[in-house]
Amino acid sequence: MSLDQHYEENVRPCIDLIDSLRSLGVEKDLALPAIAVIGDQSSGKSSVLEALSGVALPRGSGIVTRCPLILKLKKVKKGQPWAGWLTYKHDKQDYGFDLTNPGEVGKAVADG
């Protein structure tokens, strides 16, 4: 069984269930699982997030993703368009904009 097939058959249903519980507000009374990726610079944290999300993050040498990054993923029904929202704070000001495909995420993170 390939890693992708294992993910779709075993991991994805659990993530979908957790998303459903979050949408019902269960998180107020029950701590739901989350994934935290922690490690040294250039240790592969972004690669782990990419593998789980299918979203390409910035690449380069040195510190590329310089700030905490929170990815909230929700599987959409077949036929629904992919949608994303990126928010960040810079100089005490909030910024945010829509993304229309996963290929825009890496550039948006790098530009932010």
PDB file of N, CA and C in Angstrom:
ATOM      1  N   MET A   1       0.857  -1.176   0.000  1.00  0.00           N
ATOM      2  CA  MET A   1       0.000   0.000   0.000  1.00  0.00           C
ATOM      3  C   MET A   1       0.903   1.240   0.000  1.00  0.00           C
ATOM      4  N   SER A   2       0.627   2.152  -0.912  1.00  0.00           N
ATOM      5  CA  SER A   2       1.415   3.372  -0.995  1.00  0.00           C
ATOM      6  C   SER A   2       1.075   4.302   0.171  1.00  0.00           C
ATOM      7  N   LEU A   3       1.969   5.241   0.466  1.00  0.00           N
ATOM      8  CA  LEU A   3       1.747   6.207   1.541  1.00  0.00           C
ATOM      9  C   LEU A   3       0.504   7.049   1.252  1.00  0.00           C
ATOM     10  N   ASP A   4       0.327   7.447  -0.008  1.00  0.00           N
ATOM     11  CA  ASP A   4      -0.837   8.246  -0.393  1.00  0.00           C
ATOM     12  C   ASP A   4      -2.130   7.455  -0.174  1.00  0.00           C
ATOM     13  N   GLN A   5      -2.123   6.203  -0.554  1.00  0.00           N
ATOM     14  CA  GLN A   5      -3.303   5.358  -0.386  1.00  0.00           C
ATOM     15  C   GLN A   5      -3.580   5.135   1.107  1.00  0.00           C
ATOM     16  N   HIS A   6      -2.537   4.904   1.889  1.00  0.00           N
ATOM     17  CA  HIS A   6      -2.682   4.732   3.341  1.00  0.00           C
ATOM     18  C   HIS A   6      -3.284   5.990   3.961  1.00  0.00           C
ATOM     19  N   TYR A   7      -2.804   7.138   3.539  1.00  0.00           N
ATOM     20  CA  TYR A   7      -3.315   8.418   4.045  1.00  0.00           C
ATOM     21  C   TYR A   7      -4.805   8.565   3.735  1.00  0.00           C
ATOM     22  N   GLU A   8      -5.184   8.333   2.490  1.00  0.00           N
ATOM     23  CA  GLU A   8      -6.585   8.498   2.076  1.00  0.00           C
ATOM     24  C   GLU A   8      -7.512   7.507   2.772  1.00  0.00           C
ATOM     25  N   GLU A   9      -7.048   6.288   3.010  1.00  0.00           N
ATOM     26  CA  GLU A   9      -7.910   5.268   3.611  1.00  0.00           C
ATOM     27  C   GLU A   9      -7.953   5.324   5.130  1.00  0.00           C
ATOM     28  N   ASN A  10      -6.839   5.703   5.776  1.00  0.00           N
ATOM     29  CA  ASN A  10      -6.760   5.607   7.225  1.00  0.00           C
ATOM     30  C   ASN A  10      -6.692   6.952   7.947  1.00  0.00           C
ATOM     31  N   VAL A  11      -5.956   7.889   7.417  1.00  0.00           N
ATOM     32  CA  VAL A  11      -5.757   9.164   8.104  1.00  0.00           C
ATOM     33  C   VAL A  11      -6.845  10.168   7.737  1.00  0.00           C
ATOM     34  N   ARG A  12      -7.152  10.281   6.468  1.00  0.00           N
ATOM     35  CA  ARG A  12      -8.134  11.278   6.006  1.00  0.00           C
ATOM     36  C   ARG A  12      -9.492  11.162   6.704  1.00  0.00           C
ATOM     37  N   PRO A  13     -10.042   9.951   6.895  1.00  0.00           N
ATOM     38  CA  PRO A  13     -11.326   9.864   7.594  1.00  0.00           C
ATOM     39  C   PRO A  13     -11.264  10.431   9.017  1.00  0.00           C
ATOM     40  N   CYS A  14     -10.152  10.242   9.701  1.00  0.00           N
ATOM     41  CA  CYS A  14      -9.997  10.790  11.064  1.00  0.00           C
ATOM     42  C   CYS A  14      -9.960  12.315  11.027  1.00  0.00           C
ATOM     43  N   ILE A  15      -9.246  12.874  10.071  1.00  0.00           N
ATOM     44  CA  ILE A  15      -9.173  14.332   9.938  1.00  0.00           C
ATOM     45  C   ILE A  15     -10.549  14.898   9.606  1.00  0.00           C
ATOM     46  N   ASP A  16     -11.281  14.216   8.730  1.00  0.00           N
ATOM     47  CA  ASP A  16     -12.644  14.657   8.374  1.00  0.00           C
ATOM     48  C   ASP A  16     -13.564  14.624   9.591  1.00  0.00           C
ATOM     49  N   LEU A  17     -13.445  13.588  10.415  1.00  0.00           N
ATOM     50  CA  LEU A  17     -14.259  13.493  11.624  1.00  0.00           C
ATOM     51  C   LEU A  17     -13.938  14.641  12.585  1.00  0.00           C
ATOM     52  N   ILE A  18     -12.669  14.931  12.762  1.00  0.00           N
ATOM     53  CA  ILE A  18     -12.264  16.039  13.638  1.00  0.00           C
ATOM     54  C   ILE A  18     -12.798  17.358  13.098  1.00  0.00           C
ATOM     55  N   ASP A  19     -12.746  17.565  11.785  1.00  0.00           N
ATOM     56  CA  ASP A  19     -13.304  18.785  11.177  1.00  0.00           C
ATOM     57  C   ASP A  19     -14.802  18.900  11.464  1.00  0.00           C
ATOM     58  N   SER A  20     -15.506  17.781  11.343  1.00  0.00           N
ATOM     59  CA  SER A  20     -16.952  17.779  11.609  1.00  0.00           C
ATOM     60  C   SER A  20     -17.232  18.136  13.063  1.00  0.00           C
ATOM     61  N   LEU A  21     -16.462  17.582  13.992  1.00  0.00           N
ATOM     62  CA  LEU A  21     -16.636  17.897  15.409  1.00  0.00           C
ATOM     63  C   LEU A  21     -16.342  19.364  15.692  1.00  0.00           C
ATOM     64  N   ARG A  22     -15.303  19.901  15.053  1.00  0.00           N
ATOM     65  CA  ARG A  22     -14.985  21.328  15.224  1.00  0.00           C
ATOM     66  C   ARG A  22     -16.136  22.198  14.747  1.00  0.00           C
ATOM     67  N   SER A  23     -16.721  21.853  13.606  1.00  0.00           N
ATOM     68  CA  SER A  23     -17.813  22.658  13.056  1.00  0.00           C
ATOM     69  C   SER A  23     -19.044  22.612  13.951  1.00  0.00           C
ATOM     70  N   LEU A  24     -19.179  21.576  14.767  1.00  0.00           N
ATOM     71  CA  LEU A  24     -20.297  21.473  15.708  1.00  0.00           C
ATOM     72  C   LEU A  24     -20.010  22.204  17.025  1.00  0.00           C
ATOM     73  N   GLY A  25     -18.773  22.694  17.185  1.00  0.00           N
ATOM     74  CA  GLY A  25     -18.426  23.422  18.406  1.00  0.00           C
ATOM     75  C   GLY A  25     -17.977  22.531  19.549  1.00  0.00           C
ATOM     76  N   VAL A  26     -17.693  21.268  19.279  1.00  0.00           N
ATOM     77  CA  VAL A  26     -17.282  20.322  20.317  1.00  0.00           C
ATOM     78  C   VAL A  26     -15.976  20.755  20.985  1.00  0.00           C
ATOM     79  N   GLU A  27     -15.167  21.514  20.261  1.00  0.00           N
ATOM     80  CA  GLU A  27     -13.856  21.917  20.769  1.00  0.00           C
ATOM     81  C   GLU A  27     -13.954  22.771  22.036  1.00  0.00           C
ATOM     82  N   LYS A  28     -15.104  23.380  22.276  1.00  0.00           N
ATOM     83  CA  LYS A  28     -15.290  24.175  23.496  1.00  0.00           C
ATOM     84  C   LYS A  28     -15.235  23.289  24.737  1.00  0.00           C
ATOM     85  N   ASP A  29     -15.696  22.050  24.623  1.00  0.00           N
ATOM     86  CA  ASP A  29     -15.768  21.140  25.767  1.00  0.00           C
ATOM     87  C   ASP A  29     -14.749  20.000  25.716  1.00  0.00           C
ATOM     88  N   LEU A  30     -14.182  19.770  24.565  1.00  0.00           N
ATOM     89  CA  LEU A  30     -13.293  18.632  24.379  1.00  0.00           C
ATOM     90  C   LEU A  30     -12.095  19.052  23.540  1.00  0.00           C
ATOM     91  N   ALA A  31     -10.904  18.779  24.022  1.00  0.00           N
ATOM     92  CA  ALA A  31      -9.695  19.118  23.264  1.00  0.00           C
ATOM     93  C   ALA A  31      -9.552  18.142  22.093  1.00  0.00           C
ATOM     94  N   LEU A  32      -9.638  18.675  20.894  1.00  0.00           N
ATOM     95  CA  LEU A  32      -9.497  17.846  19.699  1.00  0.00           C
ATOM     96  C   LEU A  32      -8.033  17.815  19.264  1.00  0.00           C
ATOM     97  N   PRO A  33      -7.620  16.734  18.616  1.00  0.00           N
ATOM     98  CA  PRO A  33      -6.216  16.616  18.202  1.00  0.00           C
ATOM     99  C   PRO A  33      -5.810  17.668  17.183  1.00  0.00           C
ATOM    100  N   ALA A  34      -4.563  18.054  17.274  1.00  0.00           N
ATOM    101  CA  ALA A  34      -3.944  18.974  16.314  1.00  0.00           C
ATOM    102  C   ALA A  34      -2.523  18.483  16.079  1.00  0.00           C
ATOM    103  N   ILE A  35      -1.925  18.928  15.015  1.00  0.00           N
ATOM    104  CA  ILE A  35      -0.547  18.549  14.699  1.00  0.00           C
ATOM    105  C   ILE A  35       0.326  19.774  14.870  1.00  0.00           C
ATOM    106  N   ALA A  36       1.397  19.637  15.626  1.00  0.00           N
ATOM    107  CA  ALA A  36       2.388  20.702  15.760  1.00  0.00           C
ATOM    108  C   ALA A  36       3.692  20.181  15.159  1.00  0.00           C
ATOM    109  N   VAL A  37       4.276  20.955  14.277  1.00  0.00           N
ATOM    110  CA  VAL A  37       5.532  20.567  13.643  1.00  0.00           C
ATOM    111  C   VAL A  37       6.612  21.506  14.182  1.00  0.00           C
ATOM    112  N   ILE A  38       7.535  20.934  14.942  1.00  0.00           N
ATOM    113  CA  ILE A  38       8.574  21.723  15.605  1.00  0.00           C
ATOM    114  C   ILE A  38       9.928  21.136  15.251  1.00  0.00           C
ATOM    115  N   GLY A  39      10.911  22.012  15.008  1.00  0.00           N
ATOM    116  CA  GLY A  39      12.248  21.515  14.716  1.00  0.00           C
ATOM    117  C   GLY A  39      13.210  22.641  14.411  1.00  0.00           C
ATOM    118  N   ASP A  40      14.467  22.269  14.251  1.00  0.00           N
ATOM    119  CA  ASP A  40      15.518  23.232  13.926  1.00  0.00           C
ATOM    120  C   ASP A  40      15.324  23.776  12.519  1.00  0.00           C
ATOM    121  N   GLN A  41      16.038  24.870  12.240  1.00  0.00           N
ATOM    122  CA  GLN A  41      16.009  25.463  10.904  1.00  0.00           C
ATOM    123  C   GLN A  41      16.424  24.422   9.872  1.00  0.00           C
ATOM    124  N   SER A  42      15.701  24.393   8.774  1.00  0.00           N
ATOM    125  CA  SER A  42      15.980  23.494   7.643  1.00  0.00           C
ATOM    126  C   SER A  42      15.921  22.018   8.035  1.00  0.00           C
ATOM    127  N   SER A  43      15.043  21.670   8.974  1.00  0.00           N
ATOM    128  CA  SER A  43      14.932  20.268   9.386  1.00  0.00           C
ATOM    129  C   SER A  43      13.774  19.542   8.707  1.00  0.00           C
ATOM    130  N   GLY A  44      13.005  20.248   7.847  1.00  0.00           N
ATOM    131  CA  GLY A  44      11.953  19.597   7.086  1.00  0.00           C
ATOM    132  C   GLY A  44      10.542  19.851   7.585  1.00  0.00           C
ATOM    133  N   LYS A  45      10.359  20.848   8.438  1.00  0.00           N
ATOM    134  CA  LYS A  45       9.019  21.147   8.960  1.00  0.00           C
ATOM    135  C   LYS A  45       8.055  21.507   7.841  1.00  0.00           C
ATOM    136  N   SER A  46       8.469  22.381   6.947  1.00  0.00           N
ATOM    137  CA  SER A  46       7.603  22.783   5.836  1.00  0.00           C
ATOM    138  C   SER A  46       7.300  21.596   4.923  1.00  0.00           C
ATOM    139  N   SER A  47       8.249  20.706   4.750  1.00  0.00           N
ATOM    140  CA  SER A  47       8.024  19.518   3.919  1.00  0.00           C
ATOM    141  C   SER A  47       6.963  18.618   4.532  1.00  0.00           C
ATOM    142  N   VAL A  48       6.952  18.499   5.855  1.00  0.00           N
ATOM    143  CA  VAL A  48       5.916  17.705   6.522  1.00  0.00           C
ATOM    144  C   VAL A  48       4.553  18.341   6.296  1.00  0.00           C
ATOM    145  N   LEU A  49       4.470  19.667   6.466  1.00  0.00           N
ATOM    146  CA  LEU A  49       3.206  20.365   6.247  1.00  0.00           C
ATOM    147  C   LEU A  49       2.746  20.240   4.801  1.00  0.00           C
ATOM    148  N   GLU A  50       3.678  20.317   3.867  1.00  0.00           N
ATOM    149  CA  GLU A  50       3.340  20.141   2.454  1.00  0.00           C
ATOM    150  C   GLU A  50       2.772  18.752   2.192  1.00  0.00           C
ATOM    151  N   ALA A  51       3.400  17.738   2.768  1.00  0.00           N
ATOM    152  CA  ALA A  51       2.954  16.358   2.550  1.00  0.00           C
ATOM    153  C   ALA A  51       1.548  16.140   3.104  1.00  0.00           C
ATOM    154  N   LEU A  52       1.249  16.735   4.240  1.00  0.00           N
ATOM    155  CA  LEU A  52      -0.073  16.574   4.848  1.00  0.00           C
ATOM    156  C   LEU A  52      -1.146  17.384   4.134  1.00  0.00           C
ATOM    157  N   SER A  53      -0.782  18.569   3.650  1.00  0.00           N
ATOM    158  CA  SER A  53      -1.787  19.484   3.107  1.00  0.00           C
ATOM    159  C   SER A  53      -1.903  19.473   1.588  1.00  0.00           C
ATOM    160  N   GLY A  54      -0.836  19.092   0.906  1.00  0.00           N
ATOM    161  CA  GLY A  54      -0.840  19.182  -0.550  1.00  0.00           C
ATOM    162  C   GLY A  54      -0.623  20.591  -1.045  1.00  0.00           C
ATOM    163  N   VAL A  55      -0.188  21.479  -0.156  1.00  0.00           N
ATOM    164  CA  VAL A  55       0.041  22.883  -0.486  1.00  0.00           C
ATOM    165  C   VAL A  55       1.543  23.136  -0.501  1.00  0.00           C
ATOM    166  N   ALA A  56       2.055  23.721  -1.577  1.00  0.00           N
ATOM    167  CA  ALA A  56       3.483  24.022  -1.682  1.00  0.00           C
ATOM    168  C   ALA A  56       3.814  25.284  -0.892  1.00  0.00           C
ATOM    169  N   LEU A  57       4.812  25.198  -0.034  1.00  0.00           N
ATOM    170  CA  LEU A  57       5.276  26.340   0.750  1.00  0.00           C
ATOM    171  C   LEU A  57       6.570  26.866   0.142  1.00  0.00           C
ATOM    172  N   PRO A  58       7.006  28.056   0.536  1.00  0.00           N
ATOM    173  CA  PRO A  58       8.215  28.640  -0.057  1.00  0.00           C
ATOM    174  C   PRO A  58       9.434  27.742   0.103  1.00  0.00           C
ATOM    175  N   ARG A  59      10.313  27.791  -0.877  1.00  0.00           N
ATOM    176  CA  ARG A  59      11.575  27.038  -0.874  1.00  0.00           C
ATOM    177  C   ARG A  59      12.721  28.009  -1.021  1.00  0.00           C
ATOM    178  N   GLY A  60      13.862  27.639  -0.485  1.00  0.00           N
ATOM    179  CA  GLY A  60      15.047  28.466  -0.630  1.00  0.00           C
ATOM    180  C   GLY A  60      16.053  28.116   0.436  1.00  0.00           C
ATOM    181  N   SER A  61      17.163  28.825   0.453  1.00  0.00           N
ATOM    182  CA  SER A  61      18.178  28.574   1.459  1.00  0.00           C
ATOM    183  C   SER A  61      17.981  29.541   2.626  1.00  0.00           C
ATOM    184  N   GLY A  62      18.441  29.126   3.792  1.00  0.00           N
ATOM    185  CA  GLY A  62      18.295  29.963   4.978  1.00  0.00           C
ATOM    186  C   GLY A  62      16.885  29.871   5.533  1.00  0.00           C
ATOM    187  N   ILE A  63      16.498  30.892   6.254  1.00  0.00           N
ATOM    188  CA  ILE A  63      15.169  30.901   6.865  1.00  0.00           C
ATOM    189  C   ILE A  63      14.165  31.375   5.829  1.00  0.00           C
ATOM    190  N   VAL A  64      13.264  30.510   5.432  1.00  0.00           N
ATOM    191  CA  VAL A  64      12.297  30.846   4.396  1.00  0.00           C
ATOM    192  C   VAL A  64      10.924  31.143   5.005  1.00  0.00           C
ATOM    193  N   THR A  65      10.417  30.228   5.821  1.00  0.00           N
ATOM    194  CA  THR A  65       9.164  30.493   6.526  1.00  0.00           C
ATOM    195  C   THR A  65       9.565  30.967   7.927  1.00  0.00           C
ATOM    196  N   ARG A  66       9.572  32.262   8.115  1.00  0.00           N
ATOM    197  CA  ARG A  66      10.160  32.879   9.299  1.00  0.00           C
ATOM    198  C   ARG A  66       9.214  33.082  10.470  1.00  0.00           C
ATOM    199  N   CYS A  67       8.004  32.668  10.348  1.00  0.00           N
ATOM    200  CA  CYS A  67       7.039  32.945  11.405  1.00  0.00           C
ATOM    201  C   CYS A  67       6.176  31.717  11.642  1.00  0.00           C
ATOM    202  N   PRO A  68       5.451  31.707  12.760  1.00  0.00           N
ATOM    203  CA  PRO A  68       4.528  30.587  12.967  1.00  0.00           C
ATOM    204  C   PRO A  68       3.530  30.512  11.814  1.00  0.00           C
ATOM    205  N   LEU A  69       3.230  29.330  11.395  1.00  0.00           N
ATOM    206  CA  LEU A  69       2.324  29.114  10.275  1.00  0.00           C
ATOM    207  C   LEU A  69       1.242  28.147  10.725  1.00  0.00           C
ATOM    208  N   ILE A  70       0.011  28.544  10.590  1.00  0.00           N
ATOM    209  CA  ILE A  70      -1.104  27.682  10.962  1.00  0.00           C
ATOM    210  C   ILE A  70      -1.876  27.342   9.694  1.00  0.00           C
ATOM    211  N   LEU A  71      -1.965  26.066   9.398  1.00  0.00           N
ATOM    212  CA  LEU A  71      -2.750  25.602   8.256  1.00  0.00           C
ATOM    213  C   LEU A  71      -3.999  24.926   8.800  1.00  0.00           C
ATOM    214  N   LYS A  72      -5.150  25.426   8.430  1.00  0.00           N
ATOM    215  CA  LYS A  72      -6.405  24.779   8.788  1.00  0.00           C
ATOM    216  C   LYS A  72      -6.971  24.199   7.506  1.00  0.00           C
ATOM    217  N   LEU A  73      -7.097  22.904   7.472  1.00  0.00           N
ATOM    218  CA  LEU A  73      -7.505  22.228   6.253  1.00  0.00           C
ATOM    219  C   LEU A  73      -8.917  21.674   6.384  1.00  0.00           C
ATOM    220  N   LYS A  74      -9.637  21.748   5.310  1.00  0.00           N
ATOM    221  CA  LYS A  74     -10.978  21.177   5.265  1.00  0.00           C
ATOM    222  C   LYS A  74     -11.177  20.588   3.880  1.00  0.00           C
ATOM    223  N   LYS A  75     -11.551  19.342   3.840  1.00  0.00           N
ATOM    224  CA  LYS A  75     -11.780  18.686   2.561  1.00  0.00           C
ATOM    225  C   LYS A  75     -13.079  19.209   1.962  1.00  0.00           C
ATOM    226  N   VAL A  76     -13.023  19.577   0.688  1.00  0.00           N
ATOM    227  CA  VAL A  76     -14.226  20.066   0.010  1.00  0.00           C
ATOM    228  C   VAL A  76     -14.841  18.915  -0.788  1.00  0.00           C
ATOM    229  N   LYS A  77     -16.123  19.024  -1.000  1.00  0.00           N
ATOM    230  CA  LYS A  77     -16.813  18.001  -1.780  1.00  0.00           C
ATOM    231  C   LYS A  77     -16.381  18.084  -3.236  1.00  0.00           C
ATOM    232  N   LYS A  78     -16.449  16.973  -3.891  1.00  0.00           N
ATOM    233  CA  LYS A  78     -16.061  16.901  -5.301  1.00  0.00           C
ATOM    234  C   LYS A  78     -16.854  17.931  -6.105  1.00  0.00           C
ATOM    235  N   GLY A  79     -16.151  18.675  -6.939  1.00  0.00           N
ATOM    236  CA  GLY A  79     -16.786  19.691  -7.765  1.00  0.00           C
ATOM    237  C   GLY A  79     -16.725  21.090  -7.179  1.00  0.00           C
ATOM    238  N   GLN A  80     -16.451  21.181  -5.868  1.00  0.00           N
ATOM    239  CA  GLN A  80     -16.324  22.509  -5.258  1.00  0.00           C
ATOM    240  C   GLN A  80     -14.930  23.042  -5.530  1.00  0.00           C
ATOM    241  N   PRO A  81     -14.814  24.345  -5.762  1.00  0.00           N
ATOM    242  CA  PRO A  81     -13.493  24.906  -6.039  1.00  0.00           C
ATOM    243  C   PRO A  81     -12.632  24.983  -4.771  1.00  0.00           C
ATOM    244  N   TRP A  82     -11.327  24.899  -4.953  1.00  0.00           N
ATOM    245  CA  TRP A  82     -10.387  25.076  -3.857  1.00  0.00           C
ATOM    246  C   TRP A  82     -10.420  26.541  -3.451  1.00  0.00           C
ATOM    247  N   ALA A  83     -10.349  26.802  -2.172  1.00  0.00           N
ATOM    248  CA  ALA A  83     -10.338  28.184  -1.694  1.00  0.00           C
ATOM    249  C   ALA A  83      -9.415  28.271  -0.485  1.00  0.00           C
ATOM    250  N   GLY A  84      -8.747  29.389  -0.359  1.00  0.00           N
ATOM    251  CA  GLY A  84      -7.870  29.609   0.778  1.00  0.00           C
ATOM    252  C   GLY A  84      -7.917  31.053   1.226  1.00  0.00           C
ATOM    253  N   TRP A  85      -7.486  31.275   2.448  1.00  0.00           N
ATOM    254  CA  TRP A  85      -7.453  32.614   3.017  1.00  0.00           C
ATOM    255  C   TRP A  85      -6.151  32.728   3.788  1.00  0.00           C
ATOM    256  N   LEU A  86      -5.366  33.731   3.496  1.00  0.00           N
ATOM    257  CA  LEU A  86      -4.095  33.952   4.179  1.00  0.00           C
ATOM    258  C   LEU A  86      -4.209  35.230   4.985  1.00  0.00           C
ATOM    259  N   THR A  87      -3.893  35.145   6.255  1.00  0.00           N
ATOM    260  CA  THR A  87      -3.876  36.342   7.094  1.00  0.00           C
ATOM    261  C   THR A  87      -2.534  36.418   7.802  1.00  0.00           C
ATOM    262  N   TYR A  88      -2.091  37.613   8.062  1.00  0.00           N
ATOM    263  CA  TYR A  88      -0.871  37.816   8.833  1.00  0.00           C
ATOM    264  C   TYR A  88      -0.876  39.224   9.406  1.00  0.00           C
ATOM    265  N   LYS A  89      -0.007  39.431  10.363  1.00  0.00           N
ATOM    266  CA  LYS A  89       0.101  40.721  11.018  1.00  0.00           C
ATOM    267  C   LYS A  89       1.508  41.256  10.764  1.00  0.00           C
ATOM    268  N   HIS A  90       1.597  42.525  10.372  1.00  0.00           N
ATOM    269  CA  HIS A  90       2.891  43.170  10.130  1.00  0.00           C
ATOM    270  C   HIS A  90       2.801  44.601  10.648  1.00  0.00           C
ATOM    271  N   ASP A  91       3.763  44.989  11.460  1.00  0.00           N
ATOM    272  CA  ASP A  91       3.765  46.332  12.060  1.00  0.00           C
ATOM    273  C   ASP A  91       2.424  46.652  12.726  1.00  0.00           C
ATOM    274  N   LYS A  92       1.928  45.687  13.495  1.00  0.00           N
ATOM    275  CA  LYS A  92       0.682  45.823  14.260  1.00  0.00           C
ATOM    276  C   LYS A  92      -0.559  46.018  13.395  1.00  0.00           C
ATOM    277  N   GLN A  93      -0.447  45.717  12.117  1.00  0.00           N
ATOM    278  CA  GLN A  93      -1.580  45.841  11.200  1.00  0.00           C
ATOM    279  C   GLN A  93      -1.922  44.463  10.651  1.00  0.00           C
ATOM    280  N   ASP A  94      -3.232  44.167  10.563  1.00  0.00           N
ATOM    281  CA  ASP A  94      -3.698  42.894  10.023  1.00  0.00           C
ATOM    282  C   ASP A  94      -3.845  42.977   8.509  1.00  0.00           C
ATOM    283  N   TYR A  95      -3.418  41.919   7.834  1.00  0.00           N
ATOM    284  CA  TYR A  95      -3.554  41.812   6.386  1.00  0.00           C
ATOM    285  C   TYR A  95      -4.218  40.473   6.075  1.00  0.00           C
ATOM    286  N   GLY A  96      -4.950  40.416   4.993  1.00  0.00           N
ATOM    287  CA  GLY A  96      -5.558  39.163   4.583  1.00  0.00           C
ATOM    288  C   GLY A  96      -6.011  39.228   3.142  1.00  0.00           C
ATOM    289  N   PHE A  97      -5.956  38.100   2.470  1.00  0.00           N
ATOM    290  CA  PHE A  97      -6.446  38.050   1.098  1.00  0.00           C
ATOM    291  C   PHE A  97      -6.816  36.632   0.713  1.00  0.00           C
ATOM    292  N   ASP A  98      -7.677  36.524  -0.273  1.00  0.00           N
ATOM    293  CA  ASP A  98      -8.164  35.237  -0.777  1.00  0.00           C
ATOM    294  C   ASP A  98      -7.142  34.596  -1.716  1.00  0.00           C
ATOM    295  N   LEU A  99      -7.134  33.275  -1.711  1.00  0.00           N
ATOM    296  CA  LEU A  99      -6.330  32.495  -2.639  1.00  0.00           C
ATOM    297  C   LEU A  99      -7.282  31.584  -3.402  1.00  0.00           C
ATOM    298  N   THR A 100      -7.020  31.390  -4.683  1.00  0.00           N
ATOM    299  CA  THR A 100      -7.933  30.590  -5.492  1.00  0.00           C
ATOM    300  C   THR A 100      -7.389  29.222  -5.883  1.00  0.00           C
ATOM    301  N   ASN A 101      -6.102  28.959  -5.604  1.00  0.00           N
ATOM    302  CA  ASN A 101      -5.560  27.630  -5.857  1.00  0.00           C
ATOM    303  C   ASN A 101      -4.347  27.393  -4.947  1.00  0.00           C
ATOM    304  N   PRO A 102      -4.030  26.130  -4.644  1.00  0.00           N
ATOM    305  CA  PRO A 102      -2.952  25.838  -3.709  1.00  0.00           C
ATOM    306  C   PRO A 102      -1.585  26.319  -4.179  1.00  0.00           C
ATOM    307  N   GLY A 103      -1.407  26.518  -5.482  1.00  0.00           N
ATOM    308  CA  GLY A 103      -0.144  27.005  -6.001  1.00  0.00           C
ATOM    309  C   GLY A 103       0.179  28.435  -5.590  1.00  0.00           C
ATOM    310  N   GLU A 104      -0.820  29.177  -5.150  1.00  0.00           N
ATOM    311  CA  GLU A 104      -0.603  30.569  -4.734  1.00  0.00           C
ATOM    312  C   GLU A 104      -0.079  30.685  -3.296  1.00  0.00           C
ATOM    313  N   VAL A 105      -0.208  29.625  -2.518  1.00  0.00           N
ATOM    314  CA  VAL A 105       0.126  29.710  -1.096  1.00  0.00           C
ATOM    315  C   VAL A 105       1.602  30.024  -0.868  1.00  0.00           C
ATOM    316  N   GLY A 106       2.486  29.299  -1.535  1.00  0.00           N
ATOM    317  CA  GLY A 106       3.917  29.528  -1.334  1.00  0.00           C
ATOM    318  C   GLY A 106       4.343  30.942  -1.623  1.00  0.00           C
ATOM    319  N   LYS A 107       3.892  31.494  -2.727  1.00  0.00           N
ATOM    320  CA  LYS A 107       4.242  32.876  -3.081  1.00  0.00           C
ATOM    321  C   LYS A 107       3.640  33.851  -2.076  1.00  0.00           C
ATOM    322  N   ALA A 108       2.392  33.605  -1.670  1.00  0.00           N
ATOM    323  CA  ALA A 108       1.735  34.494  -0.713  1.00  0.00           C
ATOM    324  C   ALA A 108       2.455  34.510   0.622  1.00  0.00           C
ATOM    325  N   VAL A 109       2.900  33.345   1.083  1.00  0.00           N
ATOM    326  CA  VAL A 109       3.647  33.266   2.349  1.00  0.00           C
ATOM    327  C   VAL A 109       4.974  33.985   2.207  1.00  0.00           C
ATOM    328  N   ALA A 110       5.663  33.766   1.083  1.00  0.00           N
ATOM    329  CA  ALA A 110       6.971  34.404   0.867  1.00  0.00           C
ATOM    330  C   ALA A 110       6.835  35.922   0.757  1.00  0.00           C
ATOM    331  N   ASP A 111       5.768  36.391   0.101  1.00  0.00           N
ATOM    332  CA  ASP A 111       5.561  37.827  -0.072  1.00  0.00           C
ATOM    333  C   ASP A 111       5.111  38.507   1.209  1.00  0.00           C
ATOM    334  N   GLY A 112       4.378  37.748   2.069  1.00  0.00           N
ATOM    335  CA  GLY A 112       3.847  38.318   3.309  1.00  0.00           C
ATOM    336  C   GLY A 112       4.938  38.617   4.257  1.00  0.00           C
TER     337      GLY A 112
END
